[in-house]
PDB file of N, CA and C in Angstrom:
ATOM      1  N   MET A   1      -6.724   9.043  20.050  1.00  0.00           N
ATOM      2  CA  MET A   1      -5.437   8.503  19.616  1.00  0.00           C
ATOM      3  C   MET A   1      -4.953   9.277  18.398  1.00  0.00           C
ATOM      4  N   LYS A   2      -3.655   9.453  18.307  1.00  0.00           N
ATOM      5  CA  LYS A   2      -3.040  10.138  17.186  1.00  0.00           C
ATOM      6  C   LYS A   2      -3.209   9.301  15.919  1.00  0.00           C
ATOM      7  N   THR A   3      -3.458   9.976  14.799  1.00  0.00           N
ATOM      8  CA  THR A   3      -3.563   9.268  13.526  1.00  0.00           C
ATOM      9  C   THR A   3      -2.340   9.599  12.683  1.00  0.00           C
ATOM     10  N   PRO A   4      -1.445   8.643  12.503  1.00  0.00           N
ATOM     11  CA  PRO A   4      -0.259   8.894  11.684  1.00  0.00           C
ATOM     12  C   PRO A   4      -0.631   9.093  10.216  1.00  0.00           C
ATOM     13  N   ILE A   5       0.152   9.919   9.541  1.00  0.00           N
ATOM     14  CA  ILE A   5       0.074  10.046   8.091  1.00  0.00           C
ATOM     15  C   ILE A   5       1.268   9.273   7.547  1.00  0.00           C
ATOM     16  N   VAL A   6       1.006   8.332   6.652  1.00  0.00           N
ATOM     17  CA  VAL A   6       2.069   7.483   6.111  1.00  0.00           C
ATOM     18  C   VAL A   6       2.172   7.722   4.609  1.00  0.00           C
ATOM     19  N   TYR A   7       3.313   8.257   4.184  1.00  0.00           N
ATOM     20  CA  TYR A   7       3.585   8.457   2.766  1.00  0.00           C
ATOM     21  C   TYR A   7       4.194   7.171   2.218  1.00  0.00           C
ATOM     22  N   THR A   8       3.616   6.678   1.128  1.00  0.00           N
ATOM     23  CA  THR A   8       4.029   5.412   0.531  1.00  0.00           C
ATOM     24  C   THR A   8       4.170   5.570  -0.980  1.00  0.00           C
ATOM     25  N   SER A   9       4.643   4.509  -1.622  1.00  0.00           N
ATOM     26  CA  SER A   9       4.591   4.427  -3.082  1.00  0.00           C
ATOM     27  C   SER A   9       4.153   3.019  -3.456  1.00  0.00           C
ATOM     28  N   ALA A  10       3.728   2.874  -4.689  1.00  0.00           N
ATOM     29  CA  ALA A  10       3.164   1.603  -5.142  1.00  0.00           C
ATOM     30  C   ALA A  10       4.200   0.485  -5.204  1.00  0.00           C
ATOM     31  N   THR A  11       5.472   0.826  -5.351  1.00  0.00           N
ATOM     32  CA  THR A  11       6.502  -0.193  -5.556  1.00  0.00           C
ATOM     33  C   THR A  11       7.465  -0.331  -4.377  1.00  0.00           C
ATOM     34  N   CYS A  12       7.070   0.151  -3.216  1.00  0.00           N
ATOM     35  CA  CYS A  12       7.955   0.195  -2.049  1.00  0.00           C
ATOM     36  C   CYS A  12       7.685  -0.979  -1.110  1.00  0.00           C
ATOM     37  N   PRO A  13       8.610  -1.954  -1.034  1.00  0.00           N
ATOM     38  CA  PRO A  13       8.373  -3.100  -0.149  1.00  0.00           C
ATOM     39  C   PRO A  13       8.350  -2.720   1.332  1.00  0.00           C
ATOM     40  N   TYR A  14       9.146  -1.720   1.717  1.00  0.00           N
ATOM     41  CA  TYR A  14       9.138  -1.305   3.127  1.00  0.00           C
ATOM     42  C   TYR A  14       7.836  -0.604   3.497  1.00  0.00           C
ATOM     43  N   CYS A  15       7.202   0.012   2.513  1.00  0.00           N
ATOM     44  CA  CYS A  15       5.883   0.616   2.749  1.00  0.00           C
ATOM     45  C   CYS A  15       4.870  -0.475   3.087  1.00  0.00           C
ATOM     46  N   THR A  16       4.921  -1.557   2.342  1.00  0.00           N
ATOM     47  CA  THR A  16       4.026  -2.685   2.602  1.00  0.00           C
ATOM     48  C   THR A  16       4.274  -3.252   3.994  1.00  0.00           C
ATOM     49  N   LEU A  17       5.542  -3.418   4.360  1.00  0.00           N
ATOM     50  CA  LEU A  17       5.871  -3.907   5.704  1.00  0.00           C
ATOM     51  C   LEU A  17       5.342  -2.968   6.781  1.00  0.00           C
ATOM     52  N   LEU A  18       5.499  -1.675   6.569  1.00  0.00           N
ATOM     53  CA  LEU A  18       5.043  -0.702   7.557  1.00  0.00           C
ATOM     54  C   LEU A  18       3.525  -0.740   7.707  1.00  0.00           C
ATOM     55  N   LYS A  19       2.813  -0.815   6.600  1.00  0.00           N
ATOM     56  CA  LYS A  19       1.347  -0.876   6.676  1.00  0.00           C
ATOM     57  C   LYS A  19       0.896  -2.150   7.382  1.00  0.00           C
ATOM     58  N   ARG A  20       1.556  -3.260   7.102  1.00  0.00           N
ATOM     59  CA  ARG A  20       1.220  -4.512   7.798  1.00  0.00           C
ATOM     60  C   ARG A  20       1.482  -4.389   9.296  1.00  0.00           C
ATOM     61  N   PHE A  21       2.596  -3.756   9.655  1.00  0.00           N
ATOM     62  CA  PHE A  21       2.914  -3.555  11.068  1.00  0.00           C
ATOM     63  C   PHE A  21       1.837  -2.707  11.746  1.00  0.00           C
ATOM     64  N   LEU A  22       1.488  -1.585  11.130  1.00  0.00           N
ATOM     65  CA  LEU A  22       0.467  -0.714  11.720  1.00  0.00           C
ATOM     66  C   LEU A  22      -0.857  -1.454  11.868  1.00  0.00           C
ATOM     67  N   ASP A  23      -1.230  -2.207  10.846  1.00  0.00           N
ATOM     68  CA  ASP A  23      -2.465  -2.992  10.910  1.00  0.00           C
ATOM     69  C   ASP A  23      -2.401  -4.008  12.051  1.00  0.00           C
ATOM     70  N   SER A  24      -1.256  -4.669  12.209  1.00  0.00           N
ATOM     71  CA  SER A  24      -1.124  -5.692  13.254  1.00  0.00           C
ATOM     72  C   SER A  24      -1.192  -5.091  14.654  1.00  0.00           C
ATOM     73  N   GLN A  25      -0.838  -3.817  14.761  1.00  0.00           N
ATOM     74  CA  GLN A  25      -0.882  -3.127  16.050  1.00  0.00           C
ATOM     75  C   GLN A  25      -2.224  -2.442  16.294  1.00  0.00           C
ATOM     76  N   GLY A  26      -3.118  -2.526  15.298  1.00  0.00           N
ATOM     77  CA  GLY A  26      -4.418  -1.873  15.418  1.00  0.00           C
ATOM     78  C   GLY A  26      -4.329  -0.360  15.351  1.00  0.00           C
ATOM     79  N   ILE A  27      -3.302   0.149  14.674  1.00  0.00           N
ATOM     80  CA  ILE A  27      -3.107   1.593  14.551  1.00  0.00           C
ATOM     81  C   ILE A  27      -3.718   2.061  13.237  1.00  0.00           C
ATOM     82  N   ALA A  28      -4.750   2.895  13.333  1.00  0.00           N
ATOM     83  CA  ALA A  28      -5.355   3.479  12.140  1.00  0.00           C
ATOM     84  C   ALA A  28      -4.410   4.550  11.604  1.00  0.00           C
ATOM     85  N   TYR A  29      -4.329   4.674  10.289  1.00  0.00           N
ATOM     86  CA  TYR A  29      -3.425   5.650   9.685  1.00  0.00           C
ATOM     87  C   TYR A  29      -4.029   6.168   8.396  1.00  0.00           C
ATOM     88  N   GLU A  30      -3.542   7.323   7.973  1.00  0.00           N
ATOM     89  CA  GLU A  30      -3.939   7.891   6.686  1.00  0.00           C
ATOM     90  C   GLU A  30      -2.799   7.644   5.713  1.00  0.00           C
ATOM     91  N   GLU A  31      -3.077   6.916   4.640  1.00  0.00           N
ATOM     92  CA  GLU A  31      -2.044   6.634   3.640  1.00  0.00           C
ATOM     93  C   GLU A  31      -2.086   7.685   2.547  1.00  0.00           C
ATOM     94  N   ARG A  32      -0.913   8.196   2.203  1.00  0.00           N
ATOM     95  CA  ARG A  32      -0.775   9.141   1.097  1.00  0.00           C
ATOM     96  C   ARG A  32       0.232   8.550   0.117  1.00  0.00           C
ATOM     97  N   ASN A  33      -0.295   7.981  -0.970  1.00  0.00           N
ATOM     98  CA  ASN A  33       0.528   7.272  -1.940  1.00  0.00           C
ATOM     99  C   ASN A  33       1.048   8.253  -2.993  1.00  0.00           C
ATOM    100  N   VAL A  34       2.355   8.470  -2.991  1.00  0.00           N
ATOM    101  CA  VAL A  34       2.959   9.435  -3.906  1.00  0.00           C
ATOM    102  C   VAL A  34       2.913   8.975  -5.362  1.00  0.00           C
ATOM    103  N   SER A  35       2.664   7.694  -5.584  1.00  0.00           N
ATOM    104  CA  SER A  35       2.579   7.181  -6.952  1.00  0.00           C
ATOM    105  C   SER A  35       1.325   7.671  -7.661  1.00  0.00           C
ATOM    106  N   PHE A  36       0.316   8.026  -6.893  1.00  0.00           N
ATOM    107  CA  PHE A  36      -0.977   8.378  -7.477  1.00  0.00           C
ATOM    108  C   PHE A  36      -1.367   9.832  -7.269  1.00  0.00           C
ATOM    109  N   ASN A  37      -0.595  10.586  -6.491  1.00  0.00           N
ATOM    110  CA  ASN A  37      -0.943  11.980  -6.219  1.00  0.00           C
ATOM    111  C   ASN A  37       0.343  12.789  -6.093  1.00  0.00           C
ATOM    112  N   ARG A  38       0.615  13.619  -7.073  1.00  0.00           N
ATOM    113  CA  ARG A  38       1.854  14.407  -7.098  1.00  0.00           C
ATOM    114  C   ARG A  38       1.906  15.433  -5.966  1.00  0.00           C
ATOM    115  N   GLN A  39       0.759  15.850  -5.441  1.00  0.00           N
ATOM    116  CA  GLN A  39       0.743  16.784  -4.314  1.00  0.00           C
ATOM    117  C   GLN A  39       1.467  16.185  -3.113  1.00  0.00           C
ATOM    118  N   TYR A  40       1.359  14.878  -2.956  1.00  0.00           N
ATOM    119  CA  TYR A  40       2.020  14.219  -1.831  1.00  0.00           C
ATOM    120  C   TYR A  40       3.547  14.268  -1.966  1.00  0.00           C
ATOM    121  N   VAL A  41       4.043  14.276  -3.195  1.00  0.00           N
ATOM    122  CA  VAL A  41       5.484  14.429  -3.423  1.00  0.00           C
ATOM    123  C   VAL A  41       5.929  15.802  -2.926  1.00  0.00           C
ATOM    124  N   THR A  42       5.129  16.817  -3.227  1.00  0.00           N
ATOM    125  CA  THR A  42       5.417  18.172  -2.756  1.00  0.00           C
ATOM    126  C   THR A  42       5.405  18.231  -1.237  1.00  0.00           C
ATOM    127  N   GLU A  43       4.428  17.572  -0.627  1.00  0.00           N
ATOM    128  CA  GLU A  43       4.352  17.547   0.837  1.00  0.00           C
ATOM    129  C   GLU A  43       5.596  16.897   1.435  1.00  0.00           C
ATOM    130  N   LEU A  44       6.052  15.799   0.843  1.00  0.00           N
ATOM    131  CA  LEU A  44       7.272  15.138   1.320  1.00  0.00           C
ATOM    132  C   LEU A  44       8.465  16.090   1.253  1.00  0.00           C
ATOM    133  N   ALA A  45       8.595  16.792   0.135  1.00  0.00           N
ATOM    134  CA  ALA A  45       9.703  17.735  -0.022  1.00  0.00           C
ATOM    135  C   ALA A  45       9.644  18.815   1.057  1.00  0.00           C
ATOM    136  N   GLU A  46       8.439  19.278   1.374  1.00  0.00           N
ATOM    137  CA  GLU A  46       8.278  20.292   2.417  1.00  0.00           C
ATOM    138  C   GLU A  46       8.660  19.746   3.793  1.00  0.00           C
ATOM    139  N   LEU A  47       8.548  18.435   3.968  1.00  0.00           N
ATOM    140  CA  LEU A  47       8.958  17.797   5.221  1.00  0.00           C
ATOM    141  C   LEU A  47      10.472  17.579   5.276  1.00  0.00           C
ATOM    142  N   GLY A  48      11.146  17.811   4.142  1.00  0.00           N
ATOM    143  CA  GLY A  48      12.596  17.673   4.101  1.00  0.00           C
ATOM    144  C   GLY A  48      13.081  16.303   3.690  1.00  0.00           C
ATOM    145  N   THR A  49      12.222  15.526   3.055  1.00  0.00           N
ATOM    146  CA  THR A  49      12.612  14.186   2.614  1.00  0.00           C
ATOM    147  C   THR A  49      11.921  13.853   1.298  1.00  0.00           C
ATOM    148  N   MET A  50      12.456  12.878   0.611  1.00  0.00           N
ATOM    149  CA  MET A  50      11.801  12.344  -0.580  1.00  0.00           C
ATOM    150  C   MET A  50      11.673  10.832  -0.472  1.00  0.00           C
ATOM    151  N   GLY A  51      12.041  10.280   0.674  1.00  0.00           N
ATOM    152  CA  GLY A  51      12.016   8.837   0.864  1.00  0.00           C
ATOM    153  C   GLY A  51      10.689   8.341   1.399  1.00  0.00           C
ATOM    154  N   VAL A  52      10.360   7.127   1.020  1.00  0.00           N
ATOM    155  CA  VAL A  52       9.184   6.449   1.564  1.00  0.00           C
ATOM    156  C   VAL A  52       9.628   5.097   2.101  1.00  0.00           C
ATOM    157  N   PRO A  53       8.972   4.584   3.100  1.00  0.00           N
ATOM    158  CA  PRO A  53       7.859   5.222   3.789  1.00  0.00           C
ATOM    159  C   PRO A  53       8.336   6.359   4.692  1.00  0.00           C
ATOM    160  N   THR A  54       7.509   7.377   4.778  1.00  0.00           N
ATOM    161  CA  THR A  54       7.703   8.455   5.742  1.00  0.00           C
ATOM    162  C   THR A  54       6.426   8.550   6.546  1.00  0.00           C
ATOM    163  N   THR A  55       6.572   8.577   7.859  1.00  0.00           N
ATOM    164  CA  THR A  55       5.430   8.646   8.764  1.00  0.00           C
ATOM    165  C   THR A  55       5.499   9.955   9.529  1.00  0.00           C
ATOM    166  N   VAL A  56       4.358  10.649   9.618  1.00  0.00           N
ATOM    167  CA  VAL A  56       4.280  11.900  10.366  1.00  0.00           C
ATOM    168  C   VAL A  56       3.270  11.714  11.487  1.00  0.00           C
ATOM    169  N   ILE A  57       3.735  11.954  12.720  1.00  0.00           N
ATOM    170  CA  ILE A  57       2.876  11.825  13.897  1.00  0.00           C
ATOM    171  C   ILE A  57       3.028  13.092  14.719  1.00  0.00           C
ATOM    172  N   ASP A  58       1.970  13.881  14.793  1.00  0.00           N
ATOM    173  CA  ASP A  58       2.010  15.140  15.549  1.00  0.00           C
ATOM    174  C   ASP A  58       3.227  15.988  15.194  1.00  0.00           C
ATOM    175  N   GLY A  59       3.534  16.087  13.906  1.00  0.00           N
ATOM    176  CA  GLY A  59       4.647  16.906  13.457  1.00  0.00           C
ATOM    177  C   GLY A  59       6.001  16.223  13.498  1.00  0.00           C
ATOM    178  N   GLN A  60       6.089  15.050  14.106  1.00  0.00           N
ATOM    179  CA  GLN A  60       7.346  14.299  14.140  1.00  0.00           C
ATOM    180  C   GLN A  60       7.456  13.481  12.863  1.00  0.00           C
ATOM    181  N   VAL A  61       8.566  13.644  12.150  1.00  0.00           N
ATOM    182  CA  VAL A  61       8.781  12.959  10.877  1.00  0.00           C
ATOM    183  C   VAL A  61       9.708  11.767  11.099  1.00  0.00           C
ATOM    184  N   ILE A  62       9.232  10.586  10.689  1.00  0.00           N
ATOM    185  CA  ILE A  62      10.005   9.350  10.816  1.00  0.00           C
ATOM    186  C   ILE A  62      10.181   8.776   9.413  1.00  0.00           C
ATOM    187  N   VAL A  63      11.421   8.744   8.936  1.00  0.00           N
ATOM    188  CA  VAL A  63      11.703   8.263   7.585  1.00  0.00           C
ATOM    189  C   VAL A  63      12.163   6.815   7.655  1.00  0.00           C
ATOM    190  N   GLY A  64      11.561   5.984   6.810  1.00  0.00           N
ATOM    191  CA  GLY A  64      11.945   4.583   6.731  1.00  0.00           C
ATOM    192  C   GLY A  64      11.045   3.689   7.569  1.00  0.00           C
ATOM    193  N   TYR A  65      11.377   2.413   7.530  1.00  0.00           N
ATOM    194  CA  TYR A  65      10.630   1.405   8.290  1.00  0.00           C
ATOM    195  C   TYR A  65      11.215   1.357   9.692  1.00  0.00           C
ATOM    196  N   GLN A  66      10.581   2.075  10.610  1.00  0.00           N
ATOM    197  CA  GLN A  66      11.069   2.184  11.985  1.00  0.00           C
ATOM    198  C   GLN A  66       9.919   1.944  12.961  1.00  0.00           C
ATOM    199  N   PRO A  67       9.506   0.692  13.125  1.00  0.00           N
ATOM    200  CA  PRO A  67       8.357   0.388  13.980  1.00  0.00           C
ATOM    201  C   PRO A  67       8.490   0.915  15.405  1.00  0.00           C
ATOM    202  N   GLN A  68       9.664   0.767  16.014  1.00  0.00           N
ATOM    203  CA  GLN A  68       9.809   1.205  17.405  1.00  0.00           C
ATOM    204  C   GLN A  68       9.683   2.721  17.524  1.00  0.00           C
ATOM    205  N   ALA A  69      10.243   3.444  16.577  1.00  0.00           N
ATOM    206  CA  ALA A  69      10.131   4.903  16.592  1.00  0.00           C
ATOM    207  C   ALA A  69       8.676   5.334  16.460  1.00  0.00           C
ATOM    208  N   ILE A  70       7.913   4.606  15.654  1.00  0.00           N
ATOM    209  CA  ILE A  70       6.492   4.923  15.491  1.00  0.00           C
ATOM    210  C   ILE A  70       5.743   4.646  16.782  1.00  0.00           C
ATOM    211  N   LEU A  71       6.016   3.513  17.405  1.00  0.00           N
ATOM    212  CA  LEU A  71       5.361   3.212  18.681  1.00  0.00           C
ATOM    213  C   LEU A  71       5.719   4.262  19.728  1.00  0.00           C
ATOM    214  N   ASN A  72       6.980   4.666  19.766  1.00  0.00           N
ATOM    215  CA  ASN A  72       7.392   5.699  20.716  1.00  0.00           C
ATOM    216  C   ASN A  72       6.652   7.005  20.464  1.00  0.00           C
ATOM    217  N   ALA A  73       6.535   7.388  19.193  1.00  0.00           N
ATOM    218  CA  ALA A  73       5.845   8.626  18.846  1.00  0.00           C
ATOM    219  C   ALA A  73       4.355   8.549  19.167  1.00  0.00           C
ATOM    220  N   MET A  74       3.814   7.348  19.092  1.00  0.00           N
ATOM    221  CA  MET A  74       2.393   7.160  19.402  1.00  0.00           C
ATOM    222  C   MET A  74       2.161   7.132  20.914  1.00  0.00           C
ATOM    223  N   GLY A  75       3.248   7.055  21.674  1.00  0.00           N
ATOM    224  CA  GLY A  75       3.108   7.009  23.120  1.00  0.00           C
ATOM    225  C   GLY A  75       2.951   5.612  23.667  1.00  0.00           C
ATOM    226  N   ALA A  76       3.243   4.607  22.825  1.00  0.00           N
ATOM    227  CA  ALA A  76       3.128   3.216  23.268  1.00  0.00           C
ATOM    228  C   ALA A  76       4.421   2.788  23.949  1.00  0.00           C
ATOM    229  N   VAL A  77       4.320   1.803  24.776  1.00  0.00           N
ATOM    230  CA  VAL A  77       5.499   1.227  25.424  1.00  0.00           C
ATOM    231  C   VAL A  77       5.901  -0.001  24.631  1.00  0.00           C
ATOM    232  N   GLY A  78       7.164  -0.069  24.212  1.00  0.00           N
ATOM    233  CA  GLY A  78       7.564  -1.187  23.380  1.00  0.00           C
ATOM    234  C   GLY A  78       8.715  -1.932  23.874  1.00  0.00           C
TER     235      GLY A  78
END
């Protein structure tokens, strides 16, 4: 199964919602919190965004809280 990379920040309510959604779906993910690691800010800029949450799945960049887009990218039927 694909492992999404989820860019978050410590004060982002939509990040919390997204992590709860992924957990509820049993989707394992790698969290990269930009509040604690400046390298992740650079990575976001290289992806063409500075917004969180940003989810990357097999090179597909999904900005914002978009559960259906994430399920689609994961190959799930929703």
